[in-house]
Amino acid sequence: MRTYQVNESSFYIDEPYVKNNTFIGKNAENEDLPEYEKIKNLLPVPIIDGYESTLDCYNKVWKLAFANLKKPFENSGFVTNFIDAAFNGAIFMWDTSFILMFAKYGRRAFDFQKTLDNFYAKQHRDGFICREIRESDGGDYFARHDPISTGPDIMGWCEWDYYISTGDEKRLASVFDPLMAYHKWYMENRTWRDGSYWSSGWGCGMDNTPRLMKGYDVSFSHGHQVWIDTCFQQVLSAKCLIKMAKVLKRSDETEFLKDEIKNLENIINTELWDEKTAFYYDKWRDGRLNGVMSVASYWGLISGSVPGERLDRFVSHLENENEFNRTHRVPSLSASDENFVPTGGYWCGAVWAPATYMILKGLENCKKTRLAHEIGLNHVENVVKCFEETGTVWENYAPDIFGKNSSARGDFVGWTGLAPVAVLIEYVLGIKGNISENKIVWDVNLTCRHGIENYPLKNGETVSLICEARKSEDEKPVICKIGADVDVYINWKKGNFKI
């Protein structure tokens, strides 16, 4: 009988990038948590005349966000104060990345972005990071080779978005190595032979979307299929890492990422696209496309992987009332699908703030800003209507009737903070900062008096921007700018100008 002596090193192939991860073993900070009432003057203040409930909802979201701040538990291995996901006493990779995309606007009061430091501090020697980590003891919820153990790989997108919003090159330099290590782990452990990617219902974050062949568990199995959202997300991750490397003058390390992008986009556009329906789908193990229209496919807009000649037909599904253009936009599953649930059904039709925000960012990326404004306005109006009825914001919402999904959690800040903050600022008001280049682009679509005060720039500086009321969209906007020096580019119905 053979006996084996097993130690930790027997289960890992060390990833060199992990050796440069400065978050591992870092001493935990011991700073007091800010209180909302004492710091609310540091937050941006949206201006939108006639929309008082929208501003009330905005303020409620920030109050909830600051109530959900926590300090690291002793012996958890967490290294910094963080915002809780408002779900189950754990931090979630998927939730946190989206939470930070609205929380960036509160950075003068609290450095929310540091929440991701706790994930980097828990990186394994081979690059793996668990998607869900207990706050109490810092333990992983799942073993790393479990099909539901990690994902989606969007921390790099979140960090790049933060860099664009702040110009913080120092943070970019600190997160590049752990992000590279994690991306490489994904390449090694979540791909099929051709380099396409797989995930699972829980792993992709869309828990119960009916995407798998009959016989596979919708939540916990990879189904031996190619997953369209994961493929797009890995293209996005690779592109963000390449842009980071350029800023950091480390571009010589990213050739393999360029090769991966080329291979993945070839697979996506030759094997996962259906010309008849003008949509991207998952591919089942038997080679058939699954025919399930879900928001998973719209990761292709933010990844920039959709060829120009396909773009209009692909985007048109978002305007089709029989598919994604419902009472509340955008449902997670097309209304044309037999599994669509008009009242939500979790990921069988419910409207989720992160999915809608991803689509809006993708539309912006494709220069379809007018449609982004229309969808963003619809989303915020529906969230605010529900806020007026219930006094709070919810985990997800019904697509075809007014209100929340019956199983949704309340006070969900959480990623639903995206709607009354990031979607309001960026796609309703239309104000988008690229602080890394010291500029703001403002798409002026509203005719009421609107704008923002205390908009954060670099080094704690702010700017206030107000557009006076207009009689119609045909009237040229009159803009007032007060505060720090930043270039502001105005786009409106009949042209553009700089102030």
Protein backbone atom coordinates (compact mmCIF):
# COMPACT_ATOMS: atom_id res chain seq x y z
CA MET A 1 0.00 0.00 0.00
CA ARG A 2 1.39 3.39 -1.03
CA THR A 3 1.29 6.39 1.27
CA TYR A 4 1.69 10.00 0.28
CA GLN A 5 2.77 13.03 2.22
CA VAL A 6 0.74 15.98 1.00
CA ASN A 7 1.43 19.63 1.74
CA GLU A 8 0.03 22.88 0.47
CA SER A 9 2.56 23.23 -2.35
CA SER A 10 1.32 19.97 -3.88
CA PHE A 11 -1.89 21.71 -5.00
CA TYR A 12 -0.48 24.84 -6.63
CA ILE A 13 1.52 25.95 -9.62
CA ASP A 14 2.92 29.28 -8.51
CA GLU A 15 2.05 32.30 -10.63
CA PRO A 16 4.95 34.81 -10.81
CA TYR A 17 2.65 37.85 -10.84
CA VAL A 18 1.36 36.88 -7.38
CA LYS A 19 4.84 37.47 -5.96
CA ASN A 20 4.35 41.17 -6.79
CA ASN A 21 0.97 41.33 -5.05
CA THR A 22 1.63 43.82 -2.24
CA PHE A 23 -1.80 43.33 -0.65
CA ILE A 24 -1.03 39.80 0.60
CA GLY A 25 0.08 39.92 4.23
CA LYS A 26 -0.48 43.66 4.47
CA ASN A 27 -1.35 44.98 7.93
CA ALA A 28 -4.99 45.93 8.30
CA GLU A 29 -5.76 49.62 8.54
CA ASN A 30 -7.38 50.92 11.70
CA GLU A 31 -9.28 54.01 10.62
CA ASP A 32 -12.62 55.22 11.93
CA LEU A 33 -15.58 54.84 9.61
CA PRO A 34 -17.14 58.07 8.36
CA GLU A 35 -20.70 58.93 9.36
CA TYR A 36 -23.10 60.01 6.63
CA GLU A 37 -24.46 63.08 8.43
CA LYS A 38 -20.93 64.38 9.02
CA ILE A 39 -19.63 63.89 5.48
CA LYS A 40 -22.65 64.36 3.19
CA ASN A 41 -21.41 67.85 2.30
CA LEU A 42 -18.50 66.14 0.49
CA LEU A 43 -20.80 64.29 -1.93
CA PRO A 44 -21.82 65.55 -5.38
CA VAL A 45 -25.22 67.24 -5.53
CA PRO A 46 -27.28 66.58 -8.69
CA ILE A 47 -29.44 69.42 -9.98
CA ILE A 48 -32.59 68.41 -11.87
CA ASP A 49 -35.54 70.78 -11.47
CA GLY A 50 -38.91 69.12 -11.05
CA TYR A 51 -37.48 65.76 -9.98
CA GLU A 52 -37.51 66.07 -6.19
CA SER A 53 -38.18 62.36 -5.57
CA THR A 54 -35.17 61.46 -7.71
CA LEU A 55 -32.97 63.57 -5.45
CA ASP A 56 -34.57 62.03 -2.36
CA CYS A 57 -33.76 58.59 -3.73
CA TYR A 58 -30.20 59.70 -4.48
CA ASN A 59 -29.72 60.84 -0.89
CA LYS A 60 -31.29 57.66 0.50
CA VAL A 61 -28.83 55.53 -1.47
CA TRP A 62 -25.82 57.37 -0.06
CA LYS A 63 -27.20 57.09 3.46
CA LEU A 64 -27.54 53.32 3.01
CA ALA A 65 -24.08 53.06 1.48
CA PHE A 66 -22.37 54.71 4.43
CA ALA A 67 -24.43 52.58 6.84
CA ASN A 68 -22.99 49.49 5.11
CA LEU A 69 -19.33 50.39 5.70
CA LYS A 70 -17.41 47.91 7.85
CA LYS A 71 -14.03 47.49 9.47
CA PRO A 72 -11.98 44.31 8.97
CA PHE A 73 -12.80 41.58 11.46
CA GLU A 74 -9.87 40.47 13.60
CA ASN A 75 -8.00 37.53 12.04
CA SER A 76 -10.01 37.81 8.80
CA GLY A 77 -6.97 38.73 6.75
CA PHE A 78 -8.86 41.71 5.32
CA VAL A 79 -6.61 44.73 4.99
CA THR A 80 -8.95 47.70 4.78
CA ASN A 81 -12.34 49.14 5.65
CA PHE A 82 -14.92 48.18 3.03
CA ILE A 83 -18.49 48.45 1.85
CA ASP A 84 -20.62 45.37 2.48
CA ALA A 85 -22.60 43.87 -0.40
CA ALA A 86 -25.82 44.01 1.66
CA PHE A 87 -26.53 40.33 1.03
CA ASN A 88 -25.19 37.68 3.43
CA GLY A 89 -22.16 38.79 5.42
CA ALA A 90 -19.72 38.25 2.58
CA ILE A 91 -17.98 40.40 0.03
CA PHE A 92 -18.79 39.48 -3.57
CA MET A 93 -16.43 40.08 -6.49
CA TRP A 94 -19.33 40.71 -8.93
CA ASP A 95 -21.37 42.91 -6.58
CA THR A 96 -18.41 44.90 -5.30
CA SER A 97 -17.12 45.78 -8.77
CA PHE A 98 -20.47 47.32 -9.66
CA ILE A 99 -20.96 48.97 -6.26
CA LEU A 100 -17.69 50.81 -6.75
CA MET A 101 -18.83 52.18 -10.11
CA PHE A 102 -21.28 54.44 -8.33
CA ALA A 103 -19.35 54.75 -5.06
CA LYS A 104 -16.46 56.42 -6.92
CA TYR A 105 -18.52 59.63 -6.71
CA GLY A 106 -18.24 59.54 -2.91
CA ARG A 107 -14.47 59.15 -2.79
CA ARG A 108 -13.91 62.55 -1.14
CA ALA A 109 -15.67 61.15 1.93
CA PHE A 110 -14.46 57.53 1.82
CA ASP A 111 -12.13 55.54 -0.44
CA PHE A 112 -14.65 52.88 -1.45
CA GLN A 113 -12.31 51.49 -4.13
CA LYS A 114 -10.14 49.95 -1.41
CA THR A 115 -12.85 47.31 -0.89
CA LEU A 116 -11.24 45.36 -3.76
CA ASP A 117 -7.98 45.31 -1.78
CA ASN A 118 -9.54 42.62 0.40
CA PHE A 119 -9.96 40.37 -2.65
CA TYR A 120 -6.36 40.95 -3.73
CA ALA A 121 -5.20 40.18 -0.18
CA LYS A 122 -6.90 36.80 -0.48
CA GLN A 123 -5.34 35.83 -3.81
CA HIS A 124 -4.00 32.27 -3.94
CA ARG A 125 -0.48 31.41 -5.04
CA ASP A 126 -1.69 30.37 -8.49
CA GLY A 127 -3.66 33.59 -9.06
CA PHE A 128 -7.11 32.38 -8.05
CA ILE A 129 -9.43 34.73 -6.16
CA CYS A 130 -12.74 33.43 -4.83
CA ARG A 131 -15.83 35.31 -5.93
CA GLU A 132 -17.35 35.26 -2.43
CA ILE A 133 -15.32 35.67 0.77
CA ARG A 134 -16.66 35.58 4.32
CA GLU A 135 -16.25 38.80 6.26
CA SER A 136 -16.07 37.07 9.65
CA ASP A 137 -12.95 34.96 9.05
CA GLY A 138 -11.82 35.81 5.51
CA GLY A 139 -12.46 32.29 4.27
CA ASP A 140 -13.36 31.36 0.69
CA TYR A 141 -16.92 30.15 0.21
CA PHE A 142 -15.88 27.77 -2.60
CA ALA A 143 -12.92 25.59 -3.54
CA ARG A 144 -11.08 27.13 -6.46
CA HIS A 145 -11.83 24.36 -9.00
CA ASP A 146 -15.55 24.32 -8.26
CA PRO A 147 -17.44 25.49 -11.40
CA ILE A 148 -19.11 28.20 -9.30
CA SER A 149 -15.99 29.34 -7.43
CA THR A 150 -15.18 32.61 -9.15
CA GLY A 151 -16.20 35.28 -11.63
CA PRO A 152 -17.13 37.28 -13.46
CA ASP A 153 -13.66 38.65 -14.19
CA ILE A 154 -14.60 42.34 -14.13
CA MET A 155 -12.33 43.74 -11.41
CA GLY A 156 -9.94 44.98 -14.10
CA TRP A 157 -12.78 46.88 -15.80
CA CYS A 158 -13.73 48.37 -12.42
CA GLU A 159 -10.15 49.47 -11.75
CA TRP A 160 -9.79 50.98 -15.22
CA ASP A 161 -13.08 52.84 -14.77
CA TYR A 162 -11.74 54.17 -11.47
CA TYR A 163 -8.52 55.31 -13.13
CA ILE A 164 -10.47 57.17 -15.82
CA SER A 165 -12.56 58.78 -13.08
CA THR A 166 -9.63 59.80 -10.88
CA GLY A 167 -6.35 59.68 -12.80
CA ASP A 168 -4.91 57.69 -9.87
CA GLU A 169 -1.89 56.07 -11.52
CA LYS A 170 -0.47 54.94 -8.16
CA ARG A 171 -3.48 52.68 -7.57
CA LEU A 172 -3.26 51.38 -11.12
CA ALA A 173 0.32 50.31 -10.49
CA SER A 174 -0.61 48.50 -7.27
CA VAL A 175 -3.47 46.44 -8.76
CA PHE A 176 -1.92 45.51 -12.11
CA ASP A 177 -0.01 42.44 -10.90
CA PRO A 178 -2.85 40.75 -8.98
CA LEU A 179 -5.19 41.43 -11.90
CA MET A 180 -2.75 39.91 -14.37
CA ALA A 181 -2.36 36.86 -12.13
CA TYR A 182 -6.12 36.43 -11.87
CA HIS A 183 -6.64 36.77 -15.64
CA LYS A 184 -3.98 34.16 -16.27
CA TRP A 185 -5.67 31.81 -13.78
CA TYR A 186 -8.88 32.20 -15.76
CA MET A 187 -7.06 31.37 -18.99
CA GLU A 188 -5.60 28.24 -17.46
CA ASN A 189 -8.68 26.98 -15.62
CA ARG A 190 -11.83 28.20 -17.38
CA THR A 191 -11.14 27.54 -21.06
CA TRP A 192 -11.92 24.77 -23.53
CA ARG A 193 -9.33 23.48 -26.01
CA ASP A 194 -9.92 26.29 -28.50
CA GLY A 195 -9.48 29.02 -25.88
CA SER A 196 -13.19 29.82 -25.47
CA TYR A 197 -14.48 30.18 -21.92
CA TRP A 198 -16.96 28.43 -19.68
CA SER A 199 -18.70 29.39 -16.48
CA SER A 200 -21.87 28.45 -14.58
CA GLY A 201 -25.08 30.11 -13.46
CA TRP A 202 -23.61 31.20 -10.16
CA GLY A 203 -20.16 31.79 -11.64
CA CYS A 204 -21.48 34.22 -14.27
CA GLY A 205 -23.73 35.92 -11.70
CA MET A 206 -26.96 35.22 -13.62
CA ASP A 207 -27.99 32.43 -11.29
CA ASN A 208 -31.07 30.85 -12.90
CA THR A 209 -31.03 32.05 -16.50
CA PRO A 210 -32.15 29.04 -18.62
CA ARG A 211 -29.06 28.79 -20.83
CA LEU A 212 -27.99 25.15 -20.50
CA MET A 213 -28.97 21.99 -22.35
CA LYS A 214 -31.59 19.82 -20.69
CA GLY A 215 -30.03 17.60 -18.04
CA TYR A 216 -27.56 20.13 -16.67
CA ASP A 217 -28.12 22.11 -13.49
CA VAL A 218 -28.92 25.68 -14.46
CA SER A 219 -27.05 27.18 -11.49
CA PHE A 220 -24.12 24.91 -10.70
CA SER A 221 -22.98 23.20 -13.92
CA HIS A 222 -20.85 24.51 -16.78
CA GLY A 223 -22.89 22.36 -19.14
CA HIS A 224 -19.89 21.71 -21.40
CA GLN A 225 -20.95 24.85 -23.26
CA VAL A 226 -19.18 28.00 -24.43
CA TRP A 227 -20.50 30.95 -22.39
CA ILE A 228 -20.92 34.12 -24.42
CA ASP A 229 -20.74 36.59 -21.52
CA THR A 230 -17.56 35.03 -20.12
CA CYS A 231 -15.90 35.17 -23.53
CA PHE A 232 -16.80 38.86 -23.90
CA GLN A 233 -15.72 39.59 -20.32
CA GLN A 234 -12.30 38.04 -20.89
CA VAL A 235 -11.86 40.20 -23.99
CA LEU A 236 -12.79 43.20 -21.85
CA SER A 237 -10.40 42.14 -19.08
CA ALA A 238 -7.56 41.69 -21.56
CA LYS A 239 -8.19 45.08 -23.18
CA CYS A 240 -8.27 46.82 -19.80
CA LEU A 241 -4.99 45.17 -18.78
CA ILE A 242 -3.39 46.25 -22.06
CA LYS A 243 -4.47 49.86 -21.43
CA MET A 244 -3.16 49.70 -17.86
CA ALA A 245 0.15 48.33 -19.08
CA LYS A 246 0.47 51.20 -21.57
CA VAL A 247 -0.01 53.78 -18.80
CA LEU A 248 2.47 51.91 -16.58
CA LYS A 249 4.99 51.42 -19.43
CA ARG A 250 4.73 47.63 -19.15
CA SER A 251 3.30 46.92 -22.60
CA ASP A 252 5.98 44.33 -23.31
CA GLU A 253 4.12 42.02 -20.89
CA THR A 254 0.83 41.98 -22.77
CA GLU A 255 1.53 40.30 -26.12
CA PHE A 256 -0.21 37.11 -24.99
CA LEU A 257 -3.31 39.17 -24.20
CA LYS A 258 -3.39 40.58 -27.73
CA ASP A 259 -3.23 37.03 -29.07
CA GLU A 260 -6.06 35.98 -26.78
CA ILE A 261 -8.26 38.88 -27.88
CA LYS A 262 -7.71 37.99 -31.54
CA ASN A 263 -8.56 34.34 -30.94
CA LEU A 264 -11.59 35.03 -28.75
CA GLU A 265 -13.12 37.63 -31.05
CA ASN A 266 -12.69 35.26 -33.97
CA ILE A 267 -14.53 32.49 -32.09
CA ILE A 268 -17.23 34.88 -30.91
CA ASN A 269 -17.92 36.33 -34.34
CA THR A 270 -17.70 33.12 -36.36
CA GLU A 271 -19.19 30.54 -33.99
CA LEU A 272 -21.45 32.38 -31.51
CA TRP A 273 -23.26 34.79 -33.84
CA ASP A 274 -26.55 33.92 -35.54
CA GLU A 275 -27.04 35.98 -38.68
CA LYS A 276 -30.77 35.27 -38.97
CA THR A 277 -31.64 36.68 -35.54
CA ALA A 278 -28.67 39.08 -35.35
CA PHE A 279 -27.71 37.98 -31.87
CA TYR A 280 -24.91 36.23 -29.97
CA TYR A 281 -25.61 33.01 -28.09
CA ASP A 282 -23.97 30.37 -25.90
CA LYS A 283 -22.89 27.24 -27.78
CA TRP A 284 -24.02 23.89 -26.43
CA ARG A 285 -21.79 20.83 -26.29
CA ASP A 286 -23.40 19.45 -29.50
CA GLY A 287 -22.38 22.57 -31.43
CA ARG A 288 -25.81 24.19 -31.55
CA LEU A 289 -26.43 27.76 -30.41
CA ASN A 290 -28.87 27.77 -27.51
CA GLY A 291 -31.11 30.52 -28.90
CA VAL A 292 -31.53 32.17 -25.49
CA MET A 293 -31.61 35.95 -25.78
CA SER A 294 -30.34 37.43 -22.52
CA VAL A 295 -28.40 40.46 -21.38
CA ALA A 296 -25.31 38.20 -21.23
CA SER A 297 -24.73 38.88 -24.92
CA TYR A 298 -24.59 42.65 -24.45
CA TRP A 299 -21.19 42.41 -22.79
CA GLY A 300 -20.09 42.54 -26.43
CA LEU A 301 -20.80 46.28 -26.55
CA ILE A 302 -18.51 47.24 -23.66
CA SER A 303 -15.82 44.80 -24.84
CA GLY A 304 -15.94 46.42 -28.30
CA SER A 305 -16.16 43.04 -30.03
CA VAL A 306 -19.17 43.61 -32.31
CA PRO A 307 -18.23 44.40 -35.93
CA GLY A 308 -19.64 47.68 -37.23
CA GLU A 309 -21.81 46.07 -39.88
CA ARG A 310 -23.61 44.03 -37.20
CA LEU A 311 -23.97 46.71 -34.58
CA ASP A 312 -27.31 48.32 -35.52
CA ARG A 313 -29.15 45.01 -35.89
CA PHE A 314 -27.70 43.70 -32.64
CA VAL A 315 -28.60 46.86 -30.71
CA SER A 316 -32.09 47.00 -32.25
CA HIS A 317 -33.25 44.21 -29.91
CA LEU A 318 -32.98 46.73 -27.06
CA GLU A 319 -35.68 48.81 -28.81
CA ASN A 320 -37.96 45.89 -29.68
CA GLU A 321 -41.04 45.93 -27.44
CA ASN A 322 -41.42 42.17 -27.83
CA GLU A 323 -37.91 41.58 -26.51
CA PHE A 324 -35.99 44.01 -24.27
CA ASN A 325 -37.96 47.27 -24.54
CA ARG A 326 -40.40 46.60 -21.73
CA THR A 327 -42.14 48.78 -19.13
CA HIS A 328 -38.90 48.79 -17.12
CA ARG A 329 -35.72 48.47 -19.20
CA VAL A 330 -33.72 46.26 -19.55
CA PRO A 331 -35.04 42.80 -18.58
CA SER A 332 -32.39 40.15 -18.04
CA LEU A 333 -34.17 37.75 -20.41
CA SER A 334 -35.97 38.66 -23.62
CA ALA A 335 -39.77 38.73 -23.35
CA SER A 336 -39.82 36.54 -26.46
CA ASP A 337 -38.35 33.64 -24.46
CA GLU A 338 -40.80 31.03 -23.18
CA ASN A 339 -39.14 31.21 -19.75
CA PHE A 340 -39.62 34.97 -19.41
CA VAL A 341 -41.37 35.97 -16.17
CA PRO A 342 -43.22 39.33 -16.43
CA THR A 343 -42.91 39.88 -12.67
CA GLY A 344 -39.18 39.17 -12.69
CA GLY A 345 -38.32 35.58 -11.86
CA TYR A 346 -34.85 36.59 -10.65
CA TRP A 347 -32.65 36.28 -13.79
CA CYS A 348 -35.59 35.06 -15.91
CA GLY A 349 -36.62 38.60 -16.72
CA ALA A 350 -35.98 40.82 -13.70
CA VAL A 351 -34.32 44.19 -14.27
CA TRP A 352 -30.97 44.42 -12.48
CA ALA A 353 -29.11 47.71 -12.07
CA PRO A 354 -25.67 46.22 -12.91
CA ALA A 355 -26.88 44.61 -16.14
CA THR A 356 -28.58 47.81 -17.25
CA TYR A 357 -25.51 49.87 -16.33
CA MET A 358 -23.26 47.51 -18.31
CA ILE A 359 -25.51 47.99 -21.34
CA LEU A 360 -25.45 51.77 -20.94
CA LYS A 361 -21.65 51.77 -20.76
CA GLY A 362 -21.60 49.57 -23.86
CA LEU A 363 -23.92 51.89 -25.78
CA GLU A 364 -21.72 54.82 -24.83
CA ASN A 365 -18.72 52.84 -26.05
CA CYS A 366 -20.50 52.41 -29.41
CA LYS A 367 -21.42 56.11 -29.65
CA LYS A 368 -25.14 55.36 -29.21
CA THR A 369 -25.54 57.97 -26.49
CA ARG A 370 -29.12 58.96 -27.32
CA LEU A 371 -30.37 55.40 -26.76
CA ALA A 372 -28.30 55.19 -23.58
CA HIS A 373 -30.06 58.32 -22.32
CA GLU A 374 -33.51 56.91 -23.13
CA ILE A 375 -32.84 53.59 -21.37
CA GLY A 376 -31.10 55.27 -18.44
CA LEU A 377 -33.98 57.70 -17.95
CA ASN A 378 -36.51 54.86 -18.05
CA HIS A 379 -34.52 52.85 -15.51
CA VAL A 380 -34.11 55.74 -13.06
CA GLU A 381 -37.78 56.75 -13.36
CA ASN A 382 -38.93 53.21 -12.57
CA VAL A 383 -36.54 52.84 -9.63
CA VAL A 384 -37.68 56.21 -8.26
CA LYS A 385 -41.38 55.34 -8.68
CA CYS A 386 -40.82 52.23 -6.58
CA PHE A 387 -38.87 54.33 -4.08
CA GLU A 388 -41.86 56.67 -3.76
CA GLU A 389 -44.08 53.66 -2.94
CA THR A 390 -41.71 51.75 -0.66
CA GLY A 391 -39.19 54.26 0.65
CA THR A 392 -36.16 52.30 -0.52
CA VAL A 393 -34.35 50.63 -3.44
CA TRP A 394 -34.47 46.92 -4.27
CA GLU A 395 -32.19 44.13 -5.43
CA ASN A 396 -34.07 43.84 -8.75
CA TYR A 397 -37.32 44.96 -10.37
CA ALA A 398 -40.20 43.56 -12.41
CA PRO A 399 -39.92 44.26 -16.15
CA ASP A 400 -43.62 44.34 -17.12
CA ILE A 401 -45.40 45.72 -14.09
CA PHE A 402 -44.60 48.60 -11.81
CA GLY A 403 -42.51 47.64 -8.82
CA LYS A 404 -39.95 45.24 -7.47
CA ASN A 405 -39.56 41.51 -8.01
CA SER A 406 -41.50 39.82 -5.18
CA SER A 407 -38.37 38.00 -3.94
CA ALA A 408 -36.07 41.02 -4.08
CA ARG A 409 -34.21 42.33 -1.04
CA GLY A 410 -34.84 45.88 0.12
CA ASP A 411 -32.36 48.59 1.13
CA PHE A 412 -30.09 47.01 -1.48
CA VAL A 413 -27.03 49.22 -1.57
CA GLY A 414 -25.61 46.92 -2.88
CA TRP A 415 -25.39 47.53 -6.55
CA THR A 416 -28.81 49.13 -6.94
CA GLY A 417 -27.08 52.32 -5.86
CA LEU A 418 -26.01 52.46 -9.50
CA ALA A 419 -29.43 53.68 -10.67
CA PRO A 420 -29.97 56.83 -8.55
CA VAL A 421 -26.27 57.76 -8.62
CA ALA A 422 -24.17 56.61 -11.60
CA VAL A 423 -27.02 56.20 -14.10
CA LEU A 424 -28.53 59.50 -12.99
CA ILE A 425 -25.25 61.42 -13.30
CA GLU A 426 -23.88 59.77 -16.44
CA TYR A 427 -26.94 58.93 -18.55
CA VAL A 428 -29.83 61.09 -17.33
CA LEU A 429 -27.87 64.26 -16.63
CA GLY A 430 -25.33 63.06 -19.21
CA ILE A 431 -22.16 64.08 -17.33
CA LYS A 432 -19.17 61.78 -17.84
CA GLY A 433 -15.75 62.57 -16.48
CA ASN A 434 -12.42 61.48 -17.88
CA ILE A 435 -10.35 62.94 -15.08
CA SER A 436 -7.24 61.06 -16.21
CA GLU A 437 -7.30 63.49 -19.16
CA ASN A 438 -8.72 66.42 -17.13
CA LYS A 439 -11.94 66.61 -19.12
CA ILE A 440 -15.68 66.14 -18.79
CA VAL A 441 -18.02 65.29 -21.65
CA TRP A 442 -21.60 66.45 -21.14
CA ASP A 443 -24.38 65.11 -23.37
CA VAL A 444 -27.15 67.66 -22.81
CA ASN A 445 -30.52 66.00 -23.47
CA LEU A 446 -32.80 67.45 -20.79
CA THR A 447 -34.53 70.79 -21.20
CA CYS A 448 -35.14 71.54 -17.52
CA ARG A 449 -32.47 73.28 -15.46
CA HIS A 450 -30.00 70.57 -14.52
CA GLY A 451 -26.37 69.83 -13.69
CA ILE A 452 -24.25 68.93 -10.69
CA GLU A 453 -22.42 70.59 -7.83
CA ASN A 454 -19.31 69.26 -6.08
CA TYR A 455 -18.38 66.94 -8.97
CA PRO A 456 -15.09 65.28 -7.86
CA LEU A 457 -11.87 65.85 -9.79
CA LYS A 458 -8.24 65.17 -8.81
CA ASN A 459 -6.68 65.91 -5.42
CA GLY A 460 -9.97 66.66 -3.68
CA GLU A 461 -10.88 69.45 -6.10
CA THR A 462 -14.42 69.84 -7.45
CA VAL A 463 -16.35 71.59 -10.18
CA SER A 464 -20.00 72.64 -10.44
CA LEU A 465 -21.84 72.63 -13.77
CA ILE A 466 -25.31 74.01 -14.43
CA CYS A 467 -27.31 74.03 -17.67
CA GLU A 468 -30.10 76.61 -17.63
CA ALA A 469 -33.65 75.64 -18.61
CA ARG A 470 -34.42 75.63 -22.34
CA LYS A 471 -37.68 75.90 -24.26
CA SER A 472 -36.73 72.93 -26.45
CA GLU A 473 -33.85 70.68 -27.44
CA ASP A 474 -33.27 72.97 -30.43
CA GLU A 475 -32.19 75.80 -28.14
CA LYS A 476 -28.43 75.95 -27.52
CA PRO A 477 -27.54 75.11 -23.90
CA VAL A 478 -26.30 77.91 -21.64
CA ILE A 479 -23.73 76.46 -19.26
CA CYS A 480 -22.29 77.84 -16.03
CA LYS A 481 -19.04 76.34 -14.68
CA ILE A 482 -17.67 77.13 -11.22
CA GLY A 483 -14.64 75.59 -9.52
CA ALA A 484 -11.40 73.90 -10.52
CA ASP A 485 -10.02 74.12 -14.03
CA VAL A 486 -11.23 71.22 -16.21
CA ASP A 487 -12.07 71.08 -19.92
CA VAL A 488 -15.82 70.59 -20.48
CA TYR A 489 -17.09 69.43 -23.87
CA ILE A 490 -20.82 69.94 -24.54
CA ASN A 491 -22.75 67.75 -26.98
CA TRP A 492 -26.31 68.75 -27.83
CA LYS A 493 -28.88 68.10 -30.53
CA LYS A 494 -27.45 70.56 -33.05
CA GLY A 495 -23.74 70.37 -32.37
CA ASN A 496 -21.01 70.60 -29.78
CA PHE A 497 -18.77 73.17 -28.15
CA LYS A 498 -16.15 73.50 -25.42
CA ILE A 499 -16.32 75.68 -22.32
